[in-house]
């Protein structure tokens, strides 16, 4: 694997093929983290309680709304149920994003095809 260091991103190649692109995180003195929850979702599905003890949990959430959802679930539910519910939300977000991306690619390939509302 070859890593290409570009000013605002890191690109990873396997031979001539680009296999991953990561956005560079810049902070003022503190360490920044770019965590893609898609890479951890399989493990979290098998062990949802791991979410509670993740060091980079706040960086894991795709948007601030997920962090707020975690705070609310953690306050309202027993720890085990809160972890399961939050991992379920992340799985749903991952699945929905994949479906939306696939629909977008499909509509670009078939511009004349009508999309369901």
PDB file of N, CA and C in Angstrom:
ATOM      1  N   UNK A   1       0.851  -1.167   0.000  1.00  0.00           N
ATOM      2  CA  UNK A   1       0.000   0.000   0.000  1.00  0.00           C
ATOM      3  C   UNK A   1       0.899   1.233   0.000  1.00  0.00           C
ATOM      4  N   UNK A   2       0.543   2.198  -0.774  1.00  0.00           N
ATOM      5  CA  UNK A   2       1.275   3.457  -0.870  1.00  0.00           C
ATOM      6  C   UNK A   2       0.390   4.570  -0.338  1.00  0.00           C
ATOM      7  N   UNK A   3       0.978   5.425   0.492  1.00  0.00           N
ATOM      8  CA  UNK A   3       0.252   6.555   1.063  1.00  0.00           C
ATOM      9  C   UNK A   3       0.725   7.819   0.373  1.00  0.00           C
ATOM     10  N   UNK A   4      -0.193   8.594  -0.169  1.00  0.00           N
ATOM     11  CA  UNK A   4       0.145   9.882  -0.773  1.00  0.00           C
ATOM     12  C   UNK A   4      -0.318  10.980   0.174  1.00  0.00           C
ATOM     13  N   UNK A   5       0.590  11.794   0.614  1.00  0.00           N
ATOM     14  CA  UNK A   5       0.282  12.852   1.559  1.00  0.00           C
ATOM     15  C   UNK A   5      -0.008  14.136   0.792  1.00  0.00           C
ATOM     16  N   UNK A   6      -1.255  14.533   0.748  1.00  0.00           N
ATOM     17  CA  UNK A   6      -1.676  15.759   0.073  1.00  0.00           C
ATOM     18  C   UNK A   6      -2.016  16.759   1.189  1.00  0.00           C
ATOM     19  N   UNK A   7      -2.005  18.037   0.890  1.00  0.00           N
ATOM     20  CA  UNK A   7      -2.135  19.066   1.918  1.00  0.00           C
ATOM     21  C   UNK A   7      -3.313  18.861   2.870  1.00  0.00           C
ATOM     22  N   UNK A   8      -4.497  18.573   2.362  1.00  0.00           N
ATOM     23  CA  UNK A   8      -5.676  18.484   3.234  1.00  0.00           C
ATOM     24  C   UNK A   8      -6.263  17.081   3.329  1.00  0.00           C
ATOM     25  N   UNK A   9      -5.575  16.092   2.753  1.00  0.00           N
ATOM     26  CA  UNK A   9      -6.092  14.725   2.815  1.00  0.00           C
ATOM     27  C   UNK A   9      -4.946  13.718   2.672  1.00  0.00           C
ATOM     28  N   UNK A  10      -5.248  12.490   3.015  1.00  0.00           N
ATOM     29  CA  UNK A  10      -4.315  11.393   2.874  1.00  0.00           C
ATOM     30  C   UNK A  10      -4.959  10.390   1.938  1.00  0.00           C
ATOM     31  N   UNK A  11      -4.274  10.038   0.865  1.00  0.00           N
ATOM     32  CA  UNK A  11      -4.824   9.105  -0.106  1.00  0.00           C
ATOM     33  C   UNK A  11      -4.028   7.809  -0.048  1.00  0.00           C
ATOM     34  N   UNK A  12      -4.734   6.686  -0.054  1.00  0.00           N
ATOM     35  CA  UNK A  12      -4.107   5.373   0.048  1.00  0.00           C
ATOM     36  C   UNK A  12      -4.344   4.615  -1.254  1.00  0.00           C
ATOM     37  N   UNK A  13      -3.284   4.084  -1.815  1.00  0.00           N
ATOM     38  CA  UNK A  13      -3.359   3.358  -3.071  1.00  0.00           C
ATOM     39  C   UNK A  13      -2.902   1.921  -2.870  1.00  0.00           C
ATOM     40  N   UNK A  14      -3.544   1.005  -3.551  1.00  0.00           N
ATOM     41  CA  UNK A  14      -3.106  -0.374  -3.642  1.00  0.00           C
ATOM     42  C   UNK A  14      -2.780  -0.588  -5.108  1.00  0.00           C
ATOM     43  N   UNK A  15      -1.506  -0.561  -5.406  1.00  0.00           N
ATOM     44  CA  UNK A  15      -1.087  -0.532  -6.801  1.00  0.00           C
ATOM     45  C   UNK A  15      -1.523   0.797  -7.386  1.00  0.00           C
ATOM     46  N   UNK A  16      -2.146   0.788  -8.553  1.00  0.00           N
ATOM     47  CA  UNK A  16      -2.587   2.050  -9.144  1.00  0.00           C
ATOM     48  C   UNK A  16      -3.969   2.511  -8.657  1.00  0.00           C
ATOM     49  N   UNK A  17      -4.645   1.683  -7.856  1.00  0.00           N
ATOM     50  CA  UNK A  17      -6.025   1.960  -7.451  1.00  0.00           C
ATOM     51  C   UNK A  17      -6.098   2.721  -6.129  1.00  0.00           C
ATOM     52  N   UNK A  18      -6.862   3.800  -6.128  1.00  0.00           N
ATOM     53  CA  UNK A  18      -7.143   4.536  -4.901  1.00  0.00           C
ATOM     54  C   UNK A  18      -8.134   3.722  -4.085  1.00  0.00           C
ATOM     55  N   UNK A  19      -7.759   3.344  -2.855  1.00  0.00           N
ATOM     56  CA  UNK A  19      -8.633   2.509  -2.038  1.00  0.00           C
ATOM     57  C   UNK A  19      -9.232   3.263  -0.863  1.00  0.00           C
ATOM     58  N   UNK A  20      -8.623   4.397  -0.478  1.00  0.00           N
ATOM     59  CA  UNK A  20      -9.156   5.142   0.650  1.00  0.00           C
ATOM     60  C   UNK A  20      -8.661   6.574   0.586  1.00  0.00           C
ATOM     61  N   UNK A  21      -9.528   7.487   0.985  1.00  0.00           N
ATOM     62  CA  UNK A  21      -9.163   8.904   1.097  1.00  0.00           C
ATOM     63  C   UNK A  21      -9.617   9.387   2.461  1.00  0.00           C
ATOM     64  N   UNK A  22      -8.686   9.927   3.234  1.00  0.00           N
ATOM     65  CA  UNK A  22      -8.979  10.412   4.577  1.00  0.00           C
ATOM     66  C   UNK A  22      -8.754  11.909   4.629  1.00  0.00           C
ATOM     67  N   UNK A  23      -9.661  12.605   5.283  1.00  0.00           N
ATOM     68  CA  UNK A  23      -9.513  14.043   5.472  1.00  0.00           C
ATOM     69  C   UNK A  23      -8.549  14.288   6.617  1.00  0.00           C
ATOM     70  N   UNK A  24      -7.617  15.194   6.406  1.00  0.00           N
ATOM     71  CA  UNK A  24      -6.658  15.530   7.451  1.00  0.00           C
ATOM     72  C   UNK A  24      -7.338  16.386   8.509  1.00  0.00           C
ATOM     73  N   UNK A  25      -7.116  16.043   9.749  1.00  0.00           N
ATOM     74  CA  UNK A  25      -7.701  16.778  10.860  1.00  0.00           C
ATOM     75  C   UNK A  25      -6.621  17.699  11.420  1.00  0.00           C
ATOM     76  N   UNK A  26      -6.921  18.976  11.467  1.00  0.00           N
ATOM     77  CA  UNK A  26      -5.979  19.952  12.014  1.00  0.00           C
ATOM     78  C   UNK A  26      -6.608  20.581  13.259  1.00  0.00           C
ATOM     79  N   UNK A  27      -5.804  20.700  14.300  1.00  0.00           N
ATOM     80  CA  UNK A  27      -6.278  21.288  15.546  1.00  0.00           C
ATOM     81  C   UNK A  27      -5.237  22.274  16.052  1.00  0.00           C
ATOM     82  N   UNK A  28      -5.590  22.996  17.075  1.00  0.00           N
ATOM     83  CA  UNK A  28      -4.663  23.947  17.698  1.00  0.00           C
ATOM     84  C   UNK A  28      -3.990  23.295  18.899  1.00  0.00           C
ATOM     85  N   UNK A  29      -2.954  22.552  18.669  1.00  0.00           N
ATOM     86  CA  UNK A  29      -2.196  21.947  19.751  1.00  0.00           C
ATOM     87  C   UNK A  29      -2.694  20.594  20.210  1.00  0.00           C
ATOM     88  N   UNK A  30      -3.994  20.393  20.297  1.00  0.00           N
ATOM     89  CA  UNK A  30      -4.543  19.104  20.726  1.00  0.00           C
ATOM     90  C   UNK A  30      -4.538  18.129  19.548  1.00  0.00           C
ATOM     91  N   UNK A  31      -4.506  16.879  19.873  1.00  0.00           N
ATOM     92  CA  UNK A  31      -4.537  15.886  18.800  1.00  0.00           C
ATOM     93  C   UNK A  31      -5.946  15.769  18.242  1.00  0.00           C
ATOM     94  N   UNK A  32      -6.055  15.738  16.931  1.00  0.00           N
ATOM     95  CA  UNK A  32      -7.346  15.549  16.286  1.00  0.00           C
ATOM     96  C   UNK A  32      -7.460  14.135  15.767  1.00  0.00           C
ATOM     97  N   UNK A  33      -8.668  13.656  15.627  1.00  0.00           N
ATOM     98  CA  UNK A  33      -8.889  12.296  15.174  1.00  0.00           C
ATOM     99  C   UNK A  33      -9.965  12.289  14.097  1.00  0.00           C
ATOM    100  N   UNK A  34      -9.734  11.527  13.057  1.00  0.00           N
ATOM    101  CA  UNK A  34     -10.735  11.330  12.012  1.00  0.00           C
ATOM    102  C   UNK A  34     -11.115   9.852  12.049  1.00  0.00           C
ATOM    103  N   UNK A  35     -12.226   9.564  12.678  1.00  0.00           N
ATOM    104  CA  UNK A  35     -12.683   8.181  12.839  1.00  0.00           C
ATOM    105  C   UNK A  35     -13.896   7.987  11.930  1.00  0.00           C
ATOM    106  N   UNK A  36     -13.842   6.960  11.087  1.00  0.00           N
ATOM    107  CA  UNK A  36     -14.974   6.641  10.225  1.00  0.00           C
ATOM    108  C   UNK A  36     -15.729   5.478  10.867  1.00  0.00           C
ATOM    109  N   UNK A  37     -16.937   5.745  11.332  1.00  0.00           N
ATOM    110  CA  UNK A  37     -17.684   4.718  12.050  1.00  0.00           C
ATOM    111  C   UNK A  37     -17.964   3.503  11.184  1.00  0.00           C
ATOM    112  N   UNK A  38     -17.928   3.647   9.861  1.00  0.00           N
ATOM    113  CA  UNK A  38     -18.147   2.504   8.972  1.00  0.00           C
ATOM    114  C   UNK A  38     -17.100   1.413   9.213  1.00  0.00           C
ATOM    115  N   UNK A  39     -15.891   1.821   9.610  1.00  0.00           N
ATOM    116  CA  UNK A  39     -14.827   0.855   9.837  1.00  0.00           C
ATOM    117  C   UNK A  39     -15.028   0.070  11.133  1.00  0.00           C
ATOM    118  N   UNK A  40     -15.809   0.587  12.049  1.00  0.00           N
ATOM    119  CA  UNK A  40     -15.995  -0.060  13.348  1.00  0.00           C
ATOM    120  C   UNK A  40     -17.373  -0.685  13.531  1.00  0.00           C
ATOM    121  N   UNK A  41     -18.283  -0.441  12.608  1.00  0.00           N
ATOM    122  CA  UNK A  41     -19.668  -0.823  12.816  1.00  0.00           C
ATOM    123  C   UNK A  41     -19.838  -2.338  12.973  1.00  0.00           C
ATOM    124  N   UNK A  42     -19.066  -3.128  12.245  1.00  0.00           N
ATOM    125  CA  UNK A  42     -19.168  -4.586  12.366  1.00  0.00           C
ATOM    126  C   UNK A  42     -18.790  -5.066  13.756  1.00  0.00           C
ATOM    127  N   UNK A  43     -17.706  -4.529  14.286  1.00  0.00           N
ATOM    128  CA  UNK A  43     -17.258  -4.891  15.628  1.00  0.00           C
ATOM    129  C   UNK A  43     -18.251  -4.417  16.678  1.00  0.00           C
ATOM    130  N   UNK A  44     -18.760  -3.213  16.514  1.00  0.00           N
ATOM    131  CA  UNK A  44     -19.725  -2.693  17.482  1.00  0.00           C
ATOM    132  C   UNK A  44     -21.029  -3.480  17.464  1.00  0.00           C
ATOM    133  N   UNK A  45     -21.401  -4.001  16.315  1.00  0.00           N
ATOM    134  CA  UNK A  45     -22.621  -4.827  16.263  1.00  0.00           C
ATOM    135  C   UNK A  45     -22.438  -6.098  17.079  1.00  0.00           C
ATOM    136  N   UNK A  46     -21.234  -6.665  17.031  1.00  0.00           N
ATOM    137  CA  UNK A  46     -20.967  -7.883  17.805  1.00  0.00           C
ATOM    138  C   UNK A  46     -20.780  -7.591  19.293  1.00  0.00           C
ATOM    139  N   UNK A  47     -20.207  -6.432  19.602  1.00  0.00           N
ATOM    140  CA  UNK A  47     -19.932  -6.067  20.993  1.00  0.00           C
ATOM    141  C   UNK A  47     -20.370  -4.626  21.243  1.00  0.00           C
ATOM    142  N   UNK A  48     -21.683  -4.380  21.331  1.00  0.00           N
ATOM    143  CA  UNK A  48     -22.173  -3.008  21.463  1.00  0.00           C
ATOM    144  C   UNK A  48     -21.704  -2.286  22.724  1.00  0.00           C
ATOM    145  N   UNK A  49     -21.403  -3.032  23.797  1.00  0.00           N
ATOM    146  CA  UNK A  49     -20.964  -2.386  25.030  1.00  0.00           C
ATOM    147  C   UNK A  49     -19.601  -1.718  24.866  1.00  0.00           C
ATOM    148  N   UNK A  50     -18.856  -2.098  23.837  1.00  0.00           N
ATOM    149  CA  UNK A  50     -17.559  -1.470  23.588  1.00  0.00           C
ATOM    150  C   UNK A  50     -17.725   0.022  23.319  1.00  0.00           C
ATOM    151  N   UNK A  51     -18.878   0.433  22.841  1.00  0.00           N
ATOM    152  CA  UNK A  51     -19.131   1.848  22.572  1.00  0.00           C
ATOM    153  C   UNK A  51     -18.942   2.687  23.833  1.00  0.00           C
ATOM    154  N   UNK A  52     -19.369   2.172  24.962  1.00  0.00           N
ATOM    155  CA  UNK A  52     -19.281   2.908  26.219  1.00  0.00           C
ATOM    156  C   UNK A  52     -17.839   3.252  26.576  1.00  0.00           C
ATOM    157  N   UNK A  53     -16.897   2.389  26.240  1.00  0.00           N
ATOM    158  CA  UNK A  53     -15.513   2.579  26.683  1.00  0.00           C
ATOM    159  C   UNK A  53     -14.572   3.019  25.565  1.00  0.00           C
ATOM    160  N   UNK A  54     -15.120   3.339  24.408  1.00  0.00           N
ATOM    161  CA  UNK A  54     -14.263   3.799  23.303  1.00  0.00           C
ATOM    162  C   UNK A  54     -13.585   5.116  23.676  1.00  0.00           C
ATOM    163  N   UNK A  55     -12.297   5.176  23.472  1.00  0.00           N
ATOM    164  CA  UNK A  55     -11.547   6.394  23.770  1.00  0.00           C
ATOM    165  C   UNK A  55     -11.962   7.514  22.819  1.00  0.00           C
ATOM    166  N   UNK A  56     -12.211   7.175  21.572  1.00  0.00           N
ATOM    167  CA  UNK A  56     -12.537   8.171  20.547  1.00  0.00           C
ATOM    168  C   UNK A  56     -14.032   8.198  20.236  1.00  0.00           C
ATOM    169  N   UNK A  57     -14.856   7.906  21.219  1.00  0.00           N
ATOM    170  CA  UNK A  57     -16.296   7.813  20.980  1.00  0.00           C
ATOM    171  C   UNK A  57     -16.867   9.092  20.369  1.00  0.00           C
ATOM    172  N   UNK A  58     -16.502  10.240  20.894  1.00  0.00           N
ATOM    173  CA  UNK A  58     -17.053  11.502  20.375  1.00  0.00           C
ATOM    174  C   UNK A  58     -16.636  11.740  18.922  1.00  0.00           C
ATOM    175  N   UNK A  59     -15.436  11.310  18.550  1.00  0.00           N
ATOM    176  CA  UNK A  59     -14.979  11.455  17.167  1.00  0.00           C
ATOM    177  C   UNK A  59     -15.639  10.431  16.251  1.00  0.00           C
ATOM    178  N   UNK A  60     -16.191   9.375  16.836  1.00  0.00           N
ATOM    179  CA  UNK A  60     -16.816   8.312  16.060  1.00  0.00           C
ATOM    180  C   UNK A  60     -18.140   8.749  15.439  1.00  0.00           C
ATOM    181  N   UNK A  61     -18.896   9.569  16.158  1.00  0.00           N
ATOM    182  CA  UNK A  61     -20.223   9.939  15.682  1.00  0.00           C
ATOM    183  C   UNK A  61     -20.133  10.783  14.426  1.00  0.00           C
ATOM    184  N   UNK A  62     -20.936  10.448  13.394  1.00  0.00           N
ATOM    185  CA  UNK A  62     -20.850  11.165  12.121  1.00  0.00           C
ATOM    186  C   UNK A  62     -21.273  12.634  12.197  1.00  0.00           C
ATOM    187  N   UNK A  63     -22.184  12.959  13.097  1.00  0.00           N
ATOM    188  CA  UNK A  63     -22.639  14.349  13.257  1.00  0.00           C
ATOM    189  C   UNK A  63     -22.920  14.604  14.735  1.00  0.00           C
ATOM    190  N   UNK A  64     -23.051  15.869  15.075  1.00  0.00           N
ATOM    191  CA  UNK A  64     -23.297  16.261  16.469  1.00  0.00           C
ATOM    192  C   UNK A  64     -24.619  15.687  16.991  1.00  0.00           C
ATOM    193  N   UNK A  65     -25.584  15.498  16.110  1.00  0.00           N
ATOM    194  CA  UNK A  65     -26.878  14.943  16.537  1.00  0.00           C
ATOM    195  C   UNK A  65     -26.711  13.545  17.133  1.00  0.00           C
ATOM    196  N   UNK A  66     -25.749  12.778  16.643  1.00  0.00           N
ATOM    197  CA  UNK A  66     -25.513  11.442  17.185  1.00  0.00           C
ATOM    198  C   UNK A  66     -24.911  11.526  18.584  1.00  0.00           C
ATOM    199  N   UNK A  67     -24.059  12.493  18.811  1.00  0.00           N
ATOM    200  CA  UNK A  67     -23.494  12.688  20.148  1.00  0.00           C
ATOM    201  C   UNK A  67     -24.601  13.076  21.131  1.00  0.00           C
ATOM    202  N   UNK A  68     -25.514  13.932  20.688  1.00  0.00           N
ATOM    203  CA  UNK A  68     -26.640  14.310  21.546  1.00  0.00           C
ATOM    204  C   UNK A  68     -27.555  13.111  21.809  1.00  0.00           C
ATOM    205  N   UNK A  69     -27.758  12.283  20.784  1.00  0.00           N
ATOM    206  CA  UNK A  69     -28.582  11.080  20.960  1.00  0.00           C
ATOM    207  C   UNK A  69     -27.928  10.140  21.974  1.00  0.00           C
ATOM    208  N   UNK A  70     -26.610   9.990  21.890  1.00  0.00           N
ATOM    209  CA  UNK A  70     -25.909   9.141  22.849  1.00  0.00           C
ATOM    210  C   UNK A  70     -26.077   9.667  24.271  1.00  0.00           C
ATOM    211  N   UNK A  71     -25.930  10.952  24.449  1.00  0.00           N
ATOM    212  CA  UNK A  71     -26.072  11.550  25.775  1.00  0.00           C
ATOM    213  C   UNK A  71     -27.474  11.284  26.331  1.00  0.00           C
ATOM    214  N   UNK A  72     -28.481  11.452  25.492  1.00  0.00           N
ATOM    215  CA  UNK A  72     -29.867  11.231  25.934  1.00  0.00           C
ATOM    216  C   UNK A  72     -30.121   9.758  26.231  1.00  0.00           C
ATOM    217  N   UNK A  73     -29.659   8.862  25.358  1.00  0.00           N
ATOM    218  CA  UNK A  73     -29.862   7.429  25.583  1.00  0.00           C
ATOM    219  C   UNK A  73     -29.142   6.962  26.843  1.00  0.00           C
ATOM    220  N   UNK A  74     -27.929   7.452  27.017  1.00  0.00           N
ATOM    221  CA  UNK A  74     -27.133   7.051  28.174  1.00  0.00           C
ATOM    222  C   UNK A  74     -27.768   7.518  29.482  1.00  0.00           C
ATOM    223  N   UNK A  75     -28.421   8.670  29.444  1.00  0.00           N
ATOM    224  CA  UNK A  75     -29.074   9.189  30.648  1.00  0.00           C
ATOM    225  C   UNK A  75     -30.400   8.478  30.926  1.00  0.00           C
ATOM    226  N   UNK A  76     -31.092   8.042  29.876  1.00  0.00           N
ATOM    227  CA  UNK A  76     -32.451   7.516  30.042  1.00  0.00           C
ATOM    228  C   UNK A  76     -32.530   5.996  30.177  1.00  0.00           C
ATOM    229  N   UNK A  77     -31.526   5.283  29.689  1.00  0.00           N
ATOM    230  CA  UNK A  77     -31.608   3.821  29.654  1.00  0.00           C
ATOM    231  C   UNK A  77     -30.511   3.178  30.496  1.00  0.00           C
ATOM    232  N   UNK A  78     -30.704   1.927  30.853  1.00  0.00           N
ATOM    233  CA  UNK A  78     -29.604   1.189  31.481  1.00  0.00           C
ATOM    234  C   UNK A  78     -28.419   1.118  30.502  1.00  0.00           C
ATOM    235  N   UNK A  79     -27.198   1.016  30.993  1.00  0.00           N
ATOM    236  CA  UNK A  79     -26.014   1.061  30.127  1.00  0.00           C
ATOM    237  C   UNK A  79     -26.047   0.093  28.950  1.00  0.00           C
ATOM    238  N   UNK A  80     -26.449  -1.134  29.205  1.00  0.00           N
ATOM    239  CA  UNK A  80     -26.479  -2.141  28.136  1.00  0.00           C
ATOM    240  C   UNK A  80     -27.463  -1.742  27.029  1.00  0.00           C
ATOM    241  N   UNK A  81     -28.655  -1.286  27.418  1.00  0.00           N
ATOM    242  CA  UNK A  81     -29.678  -0.889  26.449  1.00  0.00           C
ATOM    243  C   UNK A  81     -29.271   0.375  25.691  1.00  0.00           C
ATOM    244  N   UNK A  82     -28.629   1.302  26.370  1.00  0.00           N
ATOM    245  CA  UNK A  82     -28.176   2.531  25.717  1.00  0.00           C
ATOM    246  C   UNK A  82     -27.156   2.216  24.623  1.00  0.00           C
ATOM    247  N   UNK A  83     -26.224   1.321  24.925  1.00  0.00           N
ATOM    248  CA  UNK A  83     -25.216   0.939  23.932  1.00  0.00           C
ATOM    249  C   UNK A  83     -25.861   0.253  22.736  1.00  0.00           C
ATOM    250  N   UNK A  84     -26.763  -0.675  23.005  1.00  0.00           N
ATOM    251  CA  UNK A  84     -27.432  -1.380  21.900  1.00  0.00           C
ATOM    252  C   UNK A  84     -28.233  -0.416  21.026  1.00  0.00           C
ATOM    253  N   UNK A  85     -28.942   0.511  21.650  1.00  0.00           N
ATOM    254  CA  UNK A  85     -29.753   1.463  20.886  1.00  0.00           C
ATOM    255  C   UNK A  85     -28.866   2.372  20.034  1.00  0.00           C
ATOM    256  N   UNK A  86     -27.759   2.837  20.598  1.00  0.00           N
ATOM    257  CA  UNK A  86     -26.885   3.743  19.856  1.00  0.00           C
ATOM    258  C   UNK A  86     -26.203   3.030  18.703  1.00  0.00           C
ATOM    259  N   UNK A  87     -25.753   1.808  18.934  1.00  0.00           N
ATOM    260  CA  UNK A  87     -25.144   1.034  17.845  1.00  0.00           C
ATOM    261  C   UNK A  87     -26.196   0.770  16.771  1.00  0.00           C
ATOM    262  N   UNK A  88     -27.431   0.513  17.171  1.00  0.00           N
ATOM    263  CA  UNK A  88     -28.506   0.346  16.197  1.00  0.00           C
ATOM    264  C   UNK A  88     -28.704   1.587  15.346  1.00  0.00           C
ATOM    265  N   UNK A  89     -28.614   2.763  15.973  1.00  0.00           N
ATOM    266  CA  UNK A  89     -28.725   4.011  15.206  1.00  0.00           C
ATOM    267  C   UNK A  89     -27.573   4.152  14.216  1.00  0.00           C
ATOM    268  N   UNK A  90     -26.372   3.798  14.636  1.00  0.00           N
ATOM    269  CA  UNK A  90     -25.216   3.884  13.736  1.00  0.00           C
ATOM    270  C   UNK A  90     -25.330   2.893  12.581  1.00  0.00           C
ATOM    271  N   UNK A  91     -25.842   1.698  12.863  1.00  0.00           N
ATOM    272  CA  UNK A  91     -26.062   0.712  11.805  1.00  0.00           C
ATOM    273  C   UNK A  91     -27.095   1.242  10.812  1.00  0.00           C
ATOM    274  N   UNK A  92     -28.168   1.794  11.333  1.00  0.00           N
ATOM    275  CA  UNK A  92     -29.204   2.360  10.478  1.00  0.00           C
ATOM    276  C   UNK A  92     -28.649   3.493   9.615  1.00  0.00           C
ATOM    277  N   UNK A  93     -27.846   4.360  10.212  1.00  0.00           N
ATOM    278  CA  UNK A  93     -27.241   5.461   9.459  1.00  0.00           C
ATOM    279  C   UNK A  93     -26.320   4.922   8.371  1.00  0.00           C
ATOM    280  N   UNK A  94     -25.553   3.918   8.687  1.00  0.00           N
ATOM    281  CA  UNK A  94     -24.638   3.322   7.718  1.00  0.00           C
ATOM    282  C   UNK A  94     -25.395   2.681   6.564  1.00  0.00           C
ATOM    283  N   UNK A  95     -26.445   1.942   6.890  1.00  0.00           N
ATOM    284  CA  UNK A  95     -27.250   1.269   5.872  1.00  0.00           C
ATOM    285  C   UNK A  95     -27.976   2.289   5.001  1.00  0.00           C
ATOM    286  N   UNK A  96     -28.556   3.284   5.631  1.00  0.00           N
ATOM    287  CA  UNK A  96     -29.293   4.291   4.873  1.00  0.00           C
ATOM    288  C   UNK A  96     -28.359   5.060   3.939  1.00  0.00           C
ATOM    289  N   UNK A  97     -27.170   5.384   4.431  1.00  0.00           N
ATOM    290  CA  UNK A  97     -26.199   6.103   3.603  1.00  0.00           C
ATOM    291  C   UNK A  97     -25.797   5.256   2.405  1.00  0.00           C
ATOM    292  N   UNK A  98     -25.588   3.964   2.621  1.00  0.00           N
ATOM    293  CA  UNK A  98     -25.226   3.077   1.524  1.00  0.00           C
ATOM    294  C   UNK A  98     -26.352   2.998   0.498  1.00  0.00           C
ATOM    295  N   UNK A  99     -27.585   2.926   0.978  1.00  0.00           N
ATOM    296  CA  UNK A  99     -28.736   2.876   0.066  1.00  0.00           C
ATOM    297  C   UNK A  99     -28.841   4.182  -0.711  1.00  0.00           C
ATOM    298  N   UNK A 100     -28.688   5.319  -0.028  1.00  0.00           N
ATOM    299  CA  UNK A 100     -28.767   6.607  -0.711  1.00  0.00           C
ATOM    300  C   UNK A 100     -27.661   6.746  -1.756  1.00  0.00           C
ATOM    301  N   UNK A 101     -26.453   6.294  -1.432  1.00  0.00           N
ATOM    302  CA  UNK A 101     -25.352   6.352  -2.397  1.00  0.00           C
ATOM    303  C   UNK A 101     -25.637   5.465  -3.599  1.00  0.00           C
ATOM    304  N   UNK A 102     -26.181   4.277  -3.355  1.00  0.00           N
ATOM    305  CA  UNK A 102     -26.479   3.361  -4.454  1.00  0.00           C
ATOM    306  C   UNK A 102     -27.583   3.930  -5.346  1.00  0.00           C
ATOM    307  N   UNK A 103     -28.608   4.530  -4.735  1.00  0.00           N
ATOM    308  CA  UNK A 103     -29.680   5.143  -5.516  1.00  0.00           C
ATOM    309  C   UNK A 103     -29.116   6.286  -6.354  1.00  0.00           C
ATOM    310  N   UNK A 104     -28.231   7.078  -5.767  1.00  0.00           N
ATOM    311  CA  UNK A 104     -27.616   8.186  -6.508  1.00  0.00           C
ATOM    312  C   UNK A 104     -26.819   7.693  -7.691  1.00  0.00           C
ATOM    313  N   UNK A 105     -26.042   6.624  -7.511  1.00  0.00           N
ATOM    314  CA  UNK A 105     -25.264   6.066  -8.633  1.00  0.00           C
ATOM    315  C   UNK A 105     -26.192   5.505  -9.689  1.00  0.00           C
ATOM    316  N   UNK A 106     -27.262   4.838  -9.253  1.00  0.00           N
ATOM    317  CA  UNK A 106     -28.201   4.240 -10.180  1.00  0.00           C
ATOM    318  C   UNK A 106     -28.895   5.303 -11.023  1.00  0.00           C
ATOM    319  N   UNK A 107     -29.292   6.419 -10.401  1.00  0.00           N
ATOM    320  CA  UNK A 107     -29.992   7.462 -11.147  1.00  0.00           C
ATOM    321  C   UNK A 107     -29.052   8.166 -12.114  1.00  0.00           C
ATOM    322  N   UNK A 108     -27.748   8.204 -11.809  1.00  0.00           N
ATOM    323  CA  UNK A 108     -26.795   8.804 -12.749  1.00  0.00           C
ATOM    324  C   UNK A 108     -26.574   7.895 -13.950  1.00  0.00           C
ATOM    325  N   UNK A 109     -26.634   6.569 -13.723  1.00  0.00           N
ATOM    326  CA  UNK A 109     -26.462   5.632 -14.833  1.00  0.00           C
ATOM    327  C   UNK A 109     -27.699   5.568 -15.718  1.00  0.00           C
ATOM    328  N   UNK A 110     -28.857   5.795 -15.133  1.00  0.00           N
ATOM    329  CA  UNK A 110     -30.132   5.700 -15.854  1.00  0.00           C
ATOM    330  C   UNK A 110     -30.887   7.006 -15.707  1.00  0.00           C
ATOM    331  N   UNK A 111     -30.434   8.084 -16.377  1.00  0.00           N
ATOM    332  CA  UNK A 111     -31.037   9.376 -16.152  1.00  0.00           C
ATOM    333  C   UNK A 111     -32.514   9.457 -16.547  1.00  0.00           C
ATOM    334  N   UNK A 112     -32.989   8.599 -17.440  1.00  0.00           N
ATOM    335  CA  UNK A 112     -34.375   8.668 -17.859  1.00  0.00           C
ATOM    336  C   UNK A 112     -35.322   7.949 -16.915  1.00  0.00           C
ATOM    337  N   UNK A 113     -34.786   7.133 -16.035  1.00  0.00           N
ATOM    338  CA  UNK A 113     -35.611   6.342 -15.120  1.00  0.00           C
ATOM    339  C   UNK A 113     -36.185   7.237 -14.019  1.00  0.00           C
ATOM    340  N   UNK A 114     -37.467   7.062 -13.760  1.00  0.00           N
ATOM    341  CA  UNK A 114     -38.123   7.838 -12.688  1.00  0.00           C
ATOM    342  C   UNK A 114     -37.782   7.216 -11.353  1.00  0.00           C
ATOM    343  N   UNK A 115     -37.598   8.061 -10.377  1.00  0.00           N
ATOM    344  CA  UNK A 115     -37.334   7.605  -9.020  1.00  0.00           C
ATOM    345  C   UNK A 115     -38.615   7.630  -8.212  1.00  0.00           C
ATOM    346  N   UNK A 116     -38.748   6.656  -7.325  1.00  0.00           N
ATOM    347  CA  UNK A 116     -39.907   6.639  -6.435  1.00  0.00           C
ATOM    348  C   UNK A 116     -39.776   7.740  -5.419  1.00  0.00           C
ATOM    349  N   UNK A 117     -40.879   8.338  -5.052  1.00  0.00           N
ATOM    350  CA  UNK A 117     -40.846   9.436  -4.063  1.00  0.00           C
ATOM    351  C   UNK A 117     -40.834   8.942  -2.669  1.00  0.00           C
TER     352      UNK A 117
END
